[in-house]
Amino acid sequence: RATAAEGGAATVAAAGTSQSHGTEAPEPPARAAAAQVAAASVDSRVAAEVAALDQRSREIDRRLAELKSREEQLMRPQTIEQRKAEIDLKLAEIAAAEEALGAGE
């Protein structure tokens, strides 16, 4: 951010003078004003982009924290055992359904 602000300030400062045969002469006021507007526009766009990137970074950090929490929850031994029991139950239900279908034929 400081670099963008410094760059904008340098642009304004450079627009305020011109090199003419080694002497510095002031720029016409309209040109200096236009340079200030352009620098402010660039600074504004850079600030908006930085704000958008900061927001996106916070969203990514939040989602990463959620995923880490979910991973920790899933890796708990009781959760793994619970999932195994649920799968075994489903397999038993499927086997019973297959057997019932086979008996009905």
Protein backbone atom coordinates (compact mmCIF):
# COMPACT_ATOMS: atom_id res chain seq x y z
CA ARG A 1 0.00 0.00 0.00
CA ALA A 2 2.79 2.36 0.86
CA THR A 3 4.43 1.67 -2.49
CA ALA A 4 1.28 2.59 -4.38
CA ALA A 5 0.88 5.77 -2.35
CA GLU A 6 4.54 6.66 -2.84
CA GLY A 7 4.22 5.98 -6.56
CA GLY A 8 1.16 8.23 -6.76
CA ALA A 9 2.95 10.96 -4.82
CA ALA A 10 5.97 10.64 -7.11
CA THR A 11 3.69 10.93 -10.14
CA VAL A 12 2.13 14.10 -8.74
CA ALA A 13 5.53 15.52 -7.86
CA ALA A 14 6.90 14.70 -11.31
CA ALA A 15 3.87 16.25 -12.98
CA GLY A 16 4.48 19.48 -11.12
CA THR A 17 7.83 20.12 -12.87
CA SER A 18 9.34 19.49 -16.24
CA GLN A 19 12.89 19.24 -17.46
CA SER A 20 13.68 21.92 -19.99
CA HIS A 21 17.36 22.46 -20.80
CA GLY A 22 18.37 21.47 -17.27
CA THR A 23 16.09 23.94 -15.51
CA GLU A 24 12.89 23.10 -13.71
CA ALA A 25 9.81 25.01 -14.80
CA PRO A 26 6.36 24.64 -13.27
CA GLU A 27 3.81 22.73 -15.31
CA PRO A 28 0.59 24.44 -16.33
CA PRO A 29 -1.97 24.12 -13.50
CA ALA A 30 -4.36 22.07 -15.65
CA ARG A 31 -1.68 19.50 -16.36
CA ALA A 32 -0.67 19.26 -12.71
CA ALA A 33 -4.33 18.92 -11.72
CA ALA A 34 -4.84 16.18 -14.32
CA ALA A 35 -1.80 14.34 -12.97
CA GLN A 36 -3.19 14.61 -9.45
CA VAL A 37 -6.55 13.23 -10.59
CA ALA A 38 -4.82 10.38 -12.43
CA ALA A 39 -2.67 9.57 -9.40
CA ALA A 40 -5.71 9.65 -7.12
CA SER A 41 -7.56 7.36 -9.53
CA VAL A 42 -4.69 4.87 -9.55
CA ASP A 43 -4.41 5.05 -5.76
CA SER A 44 -8.16 4.48 -5.48
CA ARG A 45 -8.09 1.46 -7.81
CA VAL A 46 -5.10 -0.02 -6.01
CA ALA A 47 -6.79 0.50 -2.64
CA ALA A 48 -9.97 -1.17 -3.94
CA GLU A 49 -7.98 -4.14 -5.27
CA VAL A 50 -6.06 -4.47 -1.99
CA ALA A 51 -9.34 -4.36 -0.05
CA ALA A 52 -10.83 -7.05 -2.31
CA LEU A 53 -7.75 -9.24 -1.88
CA ASP A 54 -7.85 -8.73 1.89
CA GLN A 55 -11.51 -9.79 1.93
CA ARG A 56 -10.76 -12.85 -0.20
CA SER A 57 -7.83 -13.74 2.07
CA ARG A 58 -10.09 -13.56 5.13
CA GLU A 59 -12.64 -15.80 3.38
CA ILE A 60 -9.95 -18.34 2.50
CA ASP A 61 -8.59 -18.27 6.07
CA ARG A 62 -12.10 -18.82 7.47
CA ARG A 63 -12.77 -21.73 5.09
CA LEU A 64 -9.38 -23.27 5.85
CA ALA A 65 -10.13 -23.11 9.58
CA GLU A 66 -13.50 -24.79 8.96
CA LEU A 67 -11.86 -27.56 6.93
CA LYS A 68 -9.16 -28.12 9.56
CA SER A 69 -11.82 -28.34 12.26
CA ARG A 70 -13.81 -30.80 10.16
CA GLU A 71 -10.69 -32.87 9.50
CA GLU A 72 -9.91 -33.01 13.23
CA GLN A 73 -13.48 -34.06 13.95
CA LEU A 74 -13.40 -36.81 11.33
CA MET A 75 -10.06 -38.14 12.51
CA ARG A 76 -11.23 -38.72 16.08
CA PRO A 77 -11.21 -42.46 16.86
CA GLN A 78 -14.82 -42.48 18.05
CA THR A 79 -15.92 -40.81 14.79
CA ILE A 80 -14.06 -43.39 12.73
CA GLU A 81 -15.57 -46.24 14.75
CA GLN A 82 -19.01 -44.65 14.44
CA ARG A 83 -18.63 -44.40 10.65
CA LYS A 84 -17.50 -48.03 10.49
CA ALA A 85 -20.59 -49.06 12.47
CA GLU A 86 -22.85 -47.03 10.16
CA ILE A 87 -21.27 -48.63 7.09
CA ASP A 88 -21.57 -52.12 8.59
CA LEU A 89 -25.25 -51.43 9.31
CA LYS A 90 -25.85 -50.28 5.73
CA LEU A 91 -24.06 -53.34 4.38
CA ALA A 92 -26.23 -55.57 6.58
CA GLU A 93 -29.35 -53.79 5.29
CA ILE A 94 -28.20 -54.28 1.69
CA ALA A 95 -27.44 -57.97 2.31
CA ALA A 96 -30.88 -58.44 3.89
CA ALA A 97 -32.55 -56.71 0.96
CA GLU A 98 -30.62 -58.84 -1.54
CA GLU A 99 -31.55 -61.98 0.38
CA ALA A 100 -35.22 -60.97 0.41
CA LEU A 101 -35.11 -60.34 -3.33
CA GLY A 102 -33.41 -63.71 -3.90
CA ALA A 103 -36.00 -65.51 -1.76
CA GLY A 104 -38.84 -63.88 -3.67
CA GLU A 105 -37.72 -65.21 -7.03
